[in-house]
Amino acid sequence: MFEHSRKAILLGLGALELTREKVESFVDELVKRGEASAKEKAGLVDELLKAAEEEEKKAMEKISSALREVISELGLATKGDLQAIERRLERIERRLTGEKTDASE
């Protein structure tokens, strides 16, 4: 019975950020219903928090990957692209400023 509840909560976690208090409250409810023992509480809380963290990390990786793909498909400039252009522009400006200074002397 506990395994069924555990799977249900893990499915519901996804990318949700859970606080320790919320997980402890959920586990307390499992203990009250007899689906987990009081001895298991601490380990179960840690296990659920770790699982939630892992699921959140996986979701963020998938989202980041999908965003990179969309940016690439749309041909949008990335932050790195813009920084490279900015550095190049600064070099050009320095050259032009240097040329004007040399020409005025």
PDB file of N, CA and C in Angstrom:
ATOM      1  N   MET A   1       0.829  -1.192   0.000  1.00  0.00           N
ATOM      2  CA  MET A   1       0.000   0.000   0.000  1.00  0.00           C
ATOM      3  C   MET A   1       0.874   1.256   0.000  1.00  0.00           C
ATOM      4  N   PHE A   2       1.917   1.250   0.824  1.00  0.00           N
ATOM      5  CA  PHE A   2       2.818   2.403   0.886  1.00  0.00           C
ATOM      6  C   PHE A   2       3.471   2.648  -0.458  1.00  0.00           C
ATOM      7  N   GLU A   3       3.879   1.590  -1.126  1.00  0.00           N
ATOM      8  CA  GLU A   3       4.558   1.729  -2.413  1.00  0.00           C
ATOM      9  C   GLU A   3       3.664   2.461  -3.413  1.00  0.00           C
ATOM     10  N   HIS A   4       2.375   2.178  -3.381  1.00  0.00           N
ATOM     11  CA  HIS A   4       1.434   2.861  -4.274  1.00  0.00           C
ATOM     12  C   HIS A   4       1.398   4.360  -3.960  1.00  0.00           C
ATOM     13  N   SER A   5       1.321   4.709  -2.698  1.00  0.00           N
ATOM     14  CA  SER A   5       1.304   6.121  -2.300  1.00  0.00           C
ATOM     15  C   SER A   5       2.616   6.795  -2.654  1.00  0.00           C
ATOM     16  N   ARG A   6       3.710   6.072  -2.446  1.00  0.00           N
ATOM     17  CA  ARG A   6       5.039   6.610  -2.747  1.00  0.00           C
ATOM     18  C   ARG A   6       5.145   6.934  -4.235  1.00  0.00           C
ATOM     19  N   LYS A   7       4.680   6.021  -5.070  1.00  0.00           N
ATOM     20  CA  LYS A   7       4.727   6.254  -6.514  1.00  0.00           C
ATOM     21  C   LYS A   7       3.852   7.447  -6.895  1.00  0.00           C
ATOM     22  N   ALA A   8       2.706   7.566  -6.275  1.00  0.00           N
ATOM     23  CA  ALA A   8       1.798   8.670  -6.583  1.00  0.00           C
ATOM     24  C   ALA A   8       2.438  10.008  -6.235  1.00  0.00           C
ATOM     25  N   ILE A   9       3.075  10.081  -5.079  1.00  0.00           N
ATOM     26  CA  ILE A   9       3.701  11.348  -4.692  1.00  0.00           C
ATOM     27  C   ILE A   9       4.887  11.656  -5.588  1.00  0.00           C
ATOM     28  N   LEU A  10       5.652  10.650  -5.950  1.00  0.00           N
ATOM     29  CA  LEU A  10       6.803  10.891  -6.820  1.00  0.00           C
ATOM     30  C   LEU A  10       6.353  11.380  -8.190  1.00  0.00           C
ATOM     31  N   LEU A  11       5.258  10.850  -8.689  1.00  0.00           N
ATOM     32  CA  LEU A  11       4.731  11.313  -9.970  1.00  0.00           C
ATOM     33  C   LEU A  11       4.268  12.759  -9.875  1.00  0.00           C
ATOM     34  N   GLY A  12       3.705  13.106  -8.737  1.00  0.00           N
ATOM     35  CA  GLY A  12       3.200  14.460  -8.550  1.00  0.00           C
ATOM     36  C   GLY A  12       4.273  15.491  -8.278  1.00  0.00           C
ATOM     37  N   LEU A  13       5.445  15.049  -7.908  1.00  0.00           N
ATOM     38  CA  LEU A  13       6.506  15.989  -7.554  1.00  0.00           C
ATOM     39  C   LEU A  13       6.984  16.775  -8.756  1.00  0.00           C
ATOM     40  N   GLY A  14       7.349  16.059  -9.812  1.00  0.00           N
ATOM     41  CA  GLY A  14       7.824  16.727 -11.015  1.00  0.00           C
ATOM     42  C   GLY A  14       8.823  17.807 -10.713  1.00  0.00           C
ATOM     43  N   ALA A  15       8.589  18.989 -11.240  1.00  0.00           N
ATOM     44  CA  ALA A  15       9.500  20.110 -11.045  1.00  0.00           C
ATOM     45  C   ALA A  15       9.043  20.994  -9.887  1.00  0.00           C
ATOM     46  N   LEU A  16       8.109  20.496  -9.075  1.00  0.00           N
ATOM     47  CA  LEU A  16       7.629  21.290  -7.953  1.00  0.00           C
ATOM     48  C   LEU A  16       8.679  21.370  -6.863  1.00  0.00           C
ATOM     49  N   GLU A  17       8.765  22.507  -6.275  1.00  0.00           N
ATOM     50  CA  GLU A  17       9.701  22.675  -5.175  1.00  0.00           C
ATOM     51  C   GLU A  17       8.960  22.333  -3.888  1.00  0.00           C
ATOM     52  N   LEU A  18       9.474  21.343  -3.184  1.00  0.00           N
ATOM     53  CA  LEU A  18       8.838  20.935  -1.940  1.00  0.00           C
ATOM     54  C   LEU A  18       9.697  21.349  -0.757  1.00  0.00           C
ATOM     55  N   THR A  19       9.041  21.798   0.275  1.00  0.00           N
ATOM     56  CA  THR A  19       9.767  22.120   1.494  1.00  0.00           C
ATOM     57  C   THR A  19       9.780  20.887   2.382  1.00  0.00           C
ATOM     58  N   ARG A  20      10.749  20.836   3.262  1.00  0.00           N
ATOM     59  CA  ARG A  20      10.847  19.722   4.203  1.00  0.00           C
ATOM     60  C   ARG A  20       9.553  19.602   5.009  1.00  0.00           C
ATOM     61  N   GLU A  21       8.974  20.738   5.389  1.00  0.00           N
ATOM     62  CA  GLU A  21       7.758  20.722   6.201  1.00  0.00           C
ATOM     63  C   GLU A  21       6.597  20.052   5.462  1.00  0.00           C
ATOM     64  N   LYS A  22       6.470  20.334   4.177  1.00  0.00           N
ATOM     65  CA  LYS A  22       5.389  19.727   3.397  1.00  0.00           C
ATOM     66  C   LYS A  22       5.580  18.219   3.279  1.00  0.00           C
ATOM     67  N   VAL A  23       6.818  17.804   3.064  1.00  0.00           N
ATOM     68  CA  VAL A  23       7.098  16.370   2.946  1.00  0.00           C
ATOM     69  C   VAL A  23       6.865  15.686   4.286  1.00  0.00           C
ATOM     70  N   GLU A  24       7.308  16.319   5.373  1.00  0.00           N
ATOM     71  CA  GLU A  24       7.091  15.732   6.701  1.00  0.00           C
ATOM     72  C   GLU A  24       5.600  15.600   6.990  1.00  0.00           C
ATOM     73  N   SER A  25       4.835  16.594   6.600  1.00  0.00           N
ATOM     74  CA  SER A  25       3.387  16.540   6.797  1.00  0.00           C
ATOM     75  C   SER A  25       2.779  15.380   6.007  1.00  0.00           C
ATOM     76  N   PHE A  26       3.230  15.202   4.776  1.00  0.00           N
ATOM     77  CA  PHE A  26       2.746  14.093   3.949  1.00  0.00           C
ATOM     78  C   PHE A  26       3.094  12.750   4.593  1.00  0.00           C
ATOM     79  N   VAL A  27       4.335  12.618   5.068  1.00  0.00           N
ATOM     80  CA  VAL A  27       4.768  11.359   5.687  1.00  0.00           C
ATOM     81  C   VAL A  27       4.009  11.130   6.990  1.00  0.00           C
ATOM     82  N   ASP A  28       3.756  12.190   7.760  1.00  0.00           N
ATOM     83  CA  ASP A  28       2.952  12.050   8.981  1.00  0.00           C
ATOM     84  C   ASP A  28       1.576  11.472   8.645  1.00  0.00           C
ATOM     85  N   GLU A  29       1.010  11.928   7.557  1.00  0.00           N
ATOM     86  CA  GLU A  29      -0.295  11.417   7.124  1.00  0.00           C
ATOM     87  C   GLU A  29      -0.202   9.933   6.755  1.00  0.00           C
ATOM     88  N   LEU A  30       0.891   9.542   6.094  1.00  0.00           N
ATOM     89  CA  LEU A  30       1.092   8.122   5.771  1.00  0.00           C
ATOM     90  C   LEU A  30       1.182   7.285   7.047  1.00  0.00           C
ATOM     91  N   VAL A  31       1.887   7.810   8.041  1.00  0.00           N
ATOM     92  CA  VAL A  31       2.034   7.092   9.314  1.00  0.00           C
ATOM     93  C   VAL A  31       0.665   6.953   9.981  1.00  0.00           C
ATOM     94  N   LYS A  32      -0.119   8.028   9.995  1.00  0.00           N
ATOM     95  CA  LYS A  32      -1.457   7.988  10.597  1.00  0.00           C
ATOM     96  C   LYS A  32      -2.347   6.949   9.919  1.00  0.00           C
ATOM     97  N   ARG A  33      -2.218   6.831   8.592  1.00  0.00           N
ATOM     98  CA  ARG A  33      -3.045   5.872   7.850  1.00  0.00           C
ATOM     99  C   ARG A  33      -2.479   4.460   7.910  1.00  0.00           C
ATOM    100  N   GLY A  34      -1.325   4.302   8.537  1.00  0.00           N
ATOM    101  CA  GLY A  34      -0.724   2.985   8.657  1.00  0.00           C
ATOM    102  C   GLY A  34       0.017   2.534   7.415  1.00  0.00           C
ATOM    103  N   GLU A  35       0.298   3.452   6.503  1.00  0.00           N
ATOM    104  CA  GLU A  35       1.004   3.103   5.273  1.00  0.00           C
ATOM    105  C   GLU A  35       2.518   3.181   5.432  1.00  0.00           C
ATOM    106  N   ALA A  36       2.962   3.721   6.550  1.00  0.00           N
ATOM    107  CA  ALA A  36       4.394   3.774   6.865  1.00  0.00           C
ATOM    108  C   ALA A  36       4.516   3.753   8.381  1.00  0.00           C
ATOM    109  N   SER A  37       5.656   3.285   8.867  1.00  0.00           N
ATOM    110  CA  SER A  37       5.851   3.253  10.315  1.00  0.00           C
ATOM    111  C   SER A  37       6.565   4.519  10.766  1.00  0.00           C
ATOM    112  N   ALA A  38       6.415   4.836  12.048  1.00  0.00           N
ATOM    113  CA  ALA A  38       7.073   6.018  12.606  1.00  0.00           C
ATOM    114  C   ALA A  38       8.586   5.891  12.493  1.00  0.00           C
ATOM    115  N   LYS A  39       9.096   4.649  12.555  1.00  0.00           N
ATOM    116  CA  LYS A  39      10.540   4.420  12.444  1.00  0.00           C
ATOM    117  C   LYS A  39      11.058   4.813  11.060  1.00  0.00           C
ATOM    118  N   GLU A  40      10.215   4.671  10.062  1.00  0.00           N
ATOM    119  CA  GLU A  40      10.614   4.960   8.677  1.00  0.00           C
ATOM    120  C   GLU A  40      10.568   6.448   8.338  1.00  0.00           C
ATOM    121  N   LYS A  41       9.959   7.240   9.214  1.00  0.00           N
ATOM    122  CA  LYS A  41       9.659   8.629   8.881  1.00  0.00           C
ATOM    123  C   LYS A  41      10.874   9.416   8.384  1.00  0.00           C
ATOM    124  N   ALA A  42      11.943   9.469   9.156  1.00  0.00           N
ATOM    125  CA  ALA A  42      13.106  10.292   8.783  1.00  0.00           C
ATOM    126  C   ALA A  42      13.696   9.854   7.446  1.00  0.00           C
ATOM    127  N   GLY A  43      13.874   8.552   7.284  1.00  0.00           N
ATOM    128  CA  GLY A  43      14.432   8.046   6.036  1.00  0.00           C
ATOM    129  C   GLY A  43      13.520   8.305   4.857  1.00  0.00           C
ATOM    130  N   LEU A  44      12.231   8.186   5.093  1.00  0.00           N
ATOM    131  CA  LEU A  44      11.252   8.403   4.037  1.00  0.00           C
ATOM    132  C   LEU A  44      11.219   9.870   3.607  1.00  0.00           C
ATOM    133  N   VAL A  45      11.283  10.763   4.579  1.00  0.00           N
ATOM    134  CA  VAL A  45      11.312  12.197   4.266  1.00  0.00           C
ATOM    135  C   VAL A  45      12.529  12.507   3.405  1.00  0.00           C
ATOM    136  N   ASP A  46      13.684  12.011   3.833  1.00  0.00           N
ATOM    137  CA  ASP A  46      14.913  12.249   3.067  1.00  0.00           C
ATOM    138  C   ASP A  46      14.824  11.653   1.662  1.00  0.00           C
ATOM    139  N   GLU A  47      14.270  10.454   1.572  1.00  0.00           N
ATOM    140  CA  GLU A  47      14.138   9.789   0.269  1.00  0.00           C
ATOM    141  C   GLU A  47      13.232  10.585  -0.670  1.00  0.00           C
ATOM    142  N   LEU A  48      12.108  11.054  -0.148  1.00  0.00           N
ATOM    143  CA  LEU A  48      11.179  11.819  -0.981  1.00  0.00           C
ATOM    144  C   LEU A  48      11.773  13.164  -1.397  1.00  0.00           C
ATOM    145  N   LEU A  49      12.483  13.820  -0.480  1.00  0.00           N
ATOM    146  CA  LEU A  49      13.121  15.093  -0.828  1.00  0.00           C
ATOM    147  C   LEU A  49      14.194  14.895  -1.892  1.00  0.00           C
ATOM    148  N   LYS A  50      14.970  13.824  -1.737  1.00  0.00           N
ATOM    149  CA  LYS A  50      16.019  13.538  -2.718  1.00  0.00           C
ATOM    150  C   LYS A  50      15.396  13.232  -4.078  1.00  0.00           C
ATOM    151  N   ALA A  51      14.328  12.441  -4.072  1.00  0.00           N
ATOM    152  CA  ALA A  51      13.651  12.102  -5.326  1.00  0.00           C
ATOM    153  C   ALA A  51      13.078  13.356  -5.983  1.00  0.00           C
ATOM    154  N   ALA A  52      12.507  14.250  -5.179  1.00  0.00           N
ATOM    155  CA  ALA A  52      11.950  15.494  -5.721  1.00  0.00           C
ATOM    156  C   ALA A  52      13.052  16.347  -6.334  1.00  0.00           C
ATOM    157  N   GLU A  53      14.188  16.404  -5.658  1.00  0.00           N
ATOM    158  CA  GLU A  53      15.326  17.180  -6.159  1.00  0.00           C
ATOM    159  C   GLU A  53      15.825  16.613  -7.490  1.00  0.00           C
ATOM    160  N   GLU A  54      15.911  15.295  -7.563  1.00  0.00           N
ATOM    161  CA  GLU A  54      16.360  14.649  -8.803  1.00  0.00           C
ATOM    162  C   GLU A  54      15.372  14.888  -9.942  1.00  0.00           C
ATOM    163  N   GLU A  55      14.088  14.805  -9.639  1.00  0.00           N
ATOM    164  CA  GLU A  55      13.067  15.043 -10.662  1.00  0.00           C
ATOM    165  C   GLU A  55      13.103  16.493 -11.133  1.00  0.00           C
ATOM    166  N   GLU A  56      13.308  17.404 -10.198  1.00  0.00           N
ATOM    167  CA  GLU A  56      13.395  18.819 -10.564  1.00  0.00           C
ATOM    168  C   GLU A  56      14.603  19.055 -11.471  1.00  0.00           C
ATOM    169  N   LYS A  57      15.725  18.428 -11.125  1.00  0.00           N
ATOM    170  CA  LYS A  57      16.942  18.574 -11.934  1.00  0.00           C
ATOM    171  C   LYS A  57      16.712  18.034 -13.348  1.00  0.00           C
ATOM    172  N   LYS A  58      16.083  16.858 -13.439  1.00  0.00           N
ATOM    173  CA  LYS A  58      15.791  16.269 -14.754  1.00  0.00           C
ATOM    174  C   LYS A  58      14.875  17.186 -15.567  1.00  0.00           C
ATOM    175  N   ALA A  59      13.865  17.729 -14.915  1.00  0.00           N
ATOM    176  CA  ALA A  59      12.926  18.609 -15.612  1.00  0.00           C
ATOM    177  C   ALA A  59      13.636  19.860 -16.112  1.00  0.00           C
ATOM    178  N   MET A  60      14.501  20.435 -15.283  1.00  0.00           N
ATOM    179  CA  MET A  60      15.235  21.636 -15.689  1.00  0.00           C
ATOM    180  C   MET A  60      16.169  21.339 -16.857  1.00  0.00           C
ATOM    181  N   GLU A  61      16.793  20.173 -16.844  1.00  0.00           N
ATOM    182  CA  GLU A  61      17.670  19.790 -17.954  1.00  0.00           C
ATOM    183  C   GLU A  61      16.872  19.652 -19.251  1.00  0.00           C
ATOM    184  N   LYS A  62      15.695  19.051 -19.158  1.00  0.00           N
ATOM    185  CA  LYS A  62      14.844  18.896 -20.344  1.00  0.00           C
ATOM    186  C   LYS A  62      14.377  20.258 -20.861  1.00  0.00           C
ATOM    187  N   ILE A  63      13.999  21.126 -19.951  1.00  0.00           N
ATOM    188  CA  ILE A  63      13.545  22.463 -20.341  1.00  0.00           C
ATOM    189  C   ILE A  63      14.683  23.233 -20.999  1.00  0.00           C
ATOM    190  N   SER A  64      15.869  23.189 -20.399  1.00  0.00           N
ATOM    191  CA  SER A  64      17.029  23.888 -20.961  1.00  0.00           C
ATOM    192  C   SER A  64      17.363  23.364 -22.348  1.00  0.00           C
ATOM    193  N   SER A  65      17.334  22.066 -22.497  1.00  0.00           N
ATOM    194  CA  SER A  65      17.627  21.453 -23.789  1.00  0.00           C
ATOM    195  C   SER A  65      16.605  21.883 -24.838  1.00  0.00           C
ATOM    196  N   ALA A  66      15.342  21.871 -24.465  1.00  0.00           N
ATOM    197  CA  ALA A  66      14.285  22.269 -25.395  1.00  0.00           C
ATOM    198  C   ALA A  66      14.429  23.740 -25.783  1.00  0.00           C
ATOM    199  N   LEU A  67      14.768  24.587 -24.812  1.00  0.00           N
ATOM    200  CA  LEU A  67      14.948  26.008 -25.112  1.00  0.00           C
ATOM    201  C   LEU A  67      16.126  26.238 -26.045  1.00  0.00           C
ATOM    202  N   ARG A  68      17.235  25.534 -25.800  1.00  0.00           N
ATOM    203  CA  ARG A  68      18.391  25.667 -26.692  1.00  0.00           C
ATOM    204  C   ARG A  68      18.020  25.258 -28.113  1.00  0.00           C
ATOM    205  N   GLU A  69      17.242  24.203 -28.229  1.00  0.00           N
ATOM    206  CA  GLU A  69      16.816  23.724 -29.547  1.00  0.00           C
ATOM    207  C   GLU A  69      15.934  24.756 -30.247  1.00  0.00           C
ATOM    208  N   VAL A  70      15.000  25.342 -29.518  1.00  0.00           N
ATOM    209  CA  VAL A  70      14.110  26.354 -30.091  1.00  0.00           C
ATOM    210  C   VAL A  70      14.914  27.583 -30.516  1.00  0.00           C
ATOM    211  N   ILE A  71      15.828  28.025 -29.661  1.00  0.00           N
ATOM    212  CA  ILE A  71      16.669  29.183 -29.987  1.00  0.00           C
ATOM    213  C   ILE A  71      17.466  28.913 -31.249  1.00  0.00           C
ATOM    214  N   SER A  72      18.009  27.721 -31.344  1.00  0.00           N
ATOM    215  CA  SER A  72      18.791  27.347 -32.520  1.00  0.00           C
ATOM    216  C   SER A  72      17.921  27.319 -33.773  1.00  0.00           C
ATOM    217  N   GLU A  73      16.746  26.710 -33.670  1.00  0.00           N
ATOM    218  CA  GLU A  73      15.846  26.606 -34.821  1.00  0.00           C
ATOM    219  C   GLU A  73      15.366  27.972 -35.300  1.00  0.00           C
ATOM    220  N   LEU A  74      15.175  28.887 -34.361  1.00  0.00           N
ATOM    221  CA  LEU A  74      14.700  30.220 -34.725  1.00  0.00           C
ATOM    222  C   LEU A  74      15.836  31.128 -35.188  1.00  0.00           C
ATOM    223  N   GLY A  75      17.058  30.676 -34.999  1.00  0.00           N
ATOM    224  CA  GLY A  75      18.205  31.483 -35.405  1.00  0.00           C
ATOM    225  C   GLY A  75      18.443  32.675 -34.495  1.00  0.00           C
ATOM    226  N   LEU A  76      17.999  32.582 -33.252  1.00  0.00           N
ATOM    227  CA  LEU A  76      18.183  33.679 -32.305  1.00  0.00           C
ATOM    228  C   LEU A  76      19.604  33.693 -31.763  1.00  0.00           C
ATOM    229  N   ALA A  77      20.084  34.877 -31.462  1.00  0.00           N
ATOM    230  CA  ALA A  77      21.418  35.017 -30.885  1.00  0.00           C
ATOM    231  C   ALA A  77      21.373  34.628 -29.412  1.00  0.00           C
ATOM    232  N   THR A  78      22.398  33.918 -28.986  1.00  0.00           N
ATOM    233  CA  THR A  78      22.505  33.549 -27.579  1.00  0.00           C
ATOM    234  C   THR A  78      23.262  34.643 -26.837  1.00  0.00           C
ATOM    235  N   LYS A  79      23.289  34.542 -25.530  1.00  0.00           N
ATOM    236  CA  LYS A  79      24.045  35.489 -24.713  1.00  0.00           C
ATOM    237  C   LYS A  79      25.515  35.464 -25.125  1.00  0.00           C
ATOM    238  N   GLY A  80      26.044  34.287 -25.365  1.00  0.00           N
ATOM    239  CA  GLY A  80      27.435  34.144 -25.797  1.00  0.00           C
ATOM    240  C   GLY A  80      27.679  34.815 -27.138  1.00  0.00           C
ATOM    241  N   ASP A  81      26.723  34.665 -28.060  1.00  0.00           N
ATOM    242  CA  ASP A  81      26.835  35.322 -29.367  1.00  0.00           C
ATOM    243  C   ASP A  81      26.902  36.838 -29.196  1.00  0.00           C
ATOM    244  N   LEU A  82      26.020  37.373 -28.367  1.00  0.00           N
ATOM    245  CA  LEU A  82      25.980  38.819 -28.148  1.00  0.00           C
ATOM    246  C   LEU A  82      27.252  39.318 -27.467  1.00  0.00           C
ATOM    247  N   GLN A  83      27.779  38.539 -26.533  1.00  0.00           N
ATOM    248  CA  GLN A  83      29.023  38.928 -25.867  1.00  0.00           C
ATOM    249  C   GLN A  83      30.184  38.945 -26.854  1.00  0.00           C
ATOM    250  N   ALA A  84      30.221  37.984 -27.761  1.00  0.00           N
ATOM    251  CA  ALA A  84      31.282  37.947 -28.775  1.00  0.00           C
ATOM    252  C   ALA A  84      31.184  39.161 -29.692  1.00  0.00           C
ATOM    253  N   ILE A  85      29.979  39.530 -30.081  1.00  0.00           N
ATOM    254  CA  ILE A  85      29.780  40.707 -30.930  1.00  0.00           C
ATOM    255  C   ILE A  85      30.204  41.970 -30.179  1.00  0.00           C
ATOM    256  N   GLU A  86      29.857  42.035 -28.913  1.00  0.00           N
ATOM    257  CA  GLU A  86      30.228  43.196 -28.099  1.00  0.00           C
ATOM    258  C   GLU A  86      31.749  43.335 -28.009  1.00  0.00           C
ATOM    259  N   ARG A  87      32.447  42.229 -27.783  1.00  0.00           N
ATOM    260  CA  ARG A  87      33.920  42.272 -27.713  1.00  0.00           C
ATOM    261  C   ARG A  87      34.500  42.726 -29.051  1.00  0.00           C
ATOM    262  N   ARG A  88      33.951  42.209 -30.123  1.00  0.00           N
ATOM    263  CA  ARG A  88      34.435  42.584 -31.457  1.00  0.00           C
ATOM    264  C   ARG A  88      34.204  44.076 -31.705  1.00  0.00           C
ATOM    265  N   LEU A  89      33.046  44.564 -31.345  1.00  0.00           N
ATOM    266  CA  LEU A  89      32.724  45.977 -31.514  1.00  0.00           C
ATOM    267  C   LEU A  89      33.668  46.855 -30.689  1.00  0.00           C
ATOM    268  N   GLU A  90      33.968  46.432 -29.476  1.00  0.00           N
ATOM    269  CA  GLU A  90      34.903  47.190 -28.637  1.00  0.00           C
ATOM    270  C   GLU A  90      36.281  47.265 -29.285  1.00  0.00           C
ATOM    271  N   ARG A  91      36.743  46.158 -29.865  1.00  0.00           N
ATOM    272  CA  ARG A  91      38.044  46.162 -30.549  1.00  0.00           C
ATOM    273  C   ARG A  91      38.028  47.117 -31.737  1.00  0.00           C
ATOM    274  N   ILE A  92      36.953  47.096 -32.502  1.00  0.00           N
ATOM    275  CA  ILE A  92      36.824  47.988 -33.658  1.00  0.00           C
ATOM    276  C   ILE A  92      36.817  49.444 -33.197  1.00  0.00           C
ATOM    277  N   GLU A  93      36.073  49.730 -32.128  1.00  0.00           N
ATOM    278  CA  GLU A  93      36.019  51.100 -31.608  1.00  0.00           C
ATOM    279  C   GLU A  93      37.400  51.568 -31.153  1.00  0.00           C
ATOM    280  N   ARG A  94      38.145  50.671 -30.496  1.00  0.00           N
ATOM    281  CA  ARG A  94      39.500  51.045 -30.051  1.00  0.00           C
ATOM    282  C   ARG A  94      40.385  51.348 -31.251  1.00  0.00           C
ATOM    283  N   ARG A  95      40.281  50.551 -32.293  1.00  0.00           N
ATOM    284  CA  ARG A  95      41.081  50.788 -33.508  1.00  0.00           C
ATOM    285  C   ARG A  95      40.723  52.130 -34.135  1.00  0.00           C
ATOM    286  N   LEU A  96      39.428  52.401 -34.252  1.00  0.00           N
ATOM    287  CA  LEU A  96      38.988  53.658 -34.858  1.00  0.00           C
ATOM    288  C   LEU A  96      39.418  54.855 -34.015  1.00  0.00           C
ATOM    289  N   THR A  97      39.311  54.735 -32.725  1.00  0.00           N
ATOM    290  CA  THR A  97      39.736  55.809 -31.836  1.00  0.00           C
ATOM    291  C   THR A  97      41.235  56.012 -31.961  1.00  0.00           C
ATOM    292  N   GLY A  98      41.981  54.936 -32.045  1.00  0.00           N
ATOM    293  CA  GLY A  98      43.434  55.012 -32.216  1.00  0.00           C
ATOM    294  C   GLY A  98      43.802  55.646 -33.534  1.00  0.00           C
ATOM    295  N   GLU A  99      43.082  55.338 -34.600  1.00  0.00           N
ATOM    296  CA  GLU A  99      43.358  55.909 -35.921  1.00  0.00           C
ATOM    297  C   GLU A  99      43.088  57.401 -35.924  1.00  0.00           C
ATOM    298  N   LYS A 100      42.002  57.829 -35.286  1.00  0.00           N
ATOM    299  CA  LYS A 100      41.682  59.255 -35.235  1.00  0.00           C
ATOM    300  C   LYS A 100      42.745  60.011 -34.456  1.00  0.00           C
ATOM    301  N   THR A 101      43.218  59.421 -33.372  1.00  0.00           N
ATOM    302  CA  THR A 101      44.252  60.053 -32.564  1.00  0.00           C
ATOM    303  C   THR A 101      45.531  60.173 -33.377  1.00  0.00           C
ATOM    304  N   ASP A 102      45.901  59.109 -34.100  1.00  0.00           N
ATOM    305  CA  ASP A 102      47.108  59.130 -34.930  1.00  0.00           C
ATOM    306  C   ASP A 102      46.967  60.149 -36.056  1.00  0.00           C
ATOM    307  N   ALA A 103      45.811  60.261 -36.672  1.00  0.00           N
ATOM    308  CA  ALA A 103      45.597  61.156 -37.810  1.00  0.00           C
ATOM    309  C   ALA A 103      45.604  62.617 -37.379  1.00  0.00           C
ATOM    310  N   SER A 104      45.193  62.893 -36.155  1.00  0.00           N
ATOM    311  CA  SER A 104      45.128  64.280 -35.697  1.00  0.00           C
ATOM    312  C   SER A 104      46.484  64.808 -35.265  1.00  0.00           C
ATOM    313  N   GLU A 105      47.455  63.948 -35.093  1.00  0.00           N
ATOM    314  CA  GLU A 105      48.781  64.393 -34.649  1.00  0.00           C
ATOM    315  C   GLU A 105      49.616  64.911 -35.750  1.00  0.00           C
TER     316      GLU A 105
END
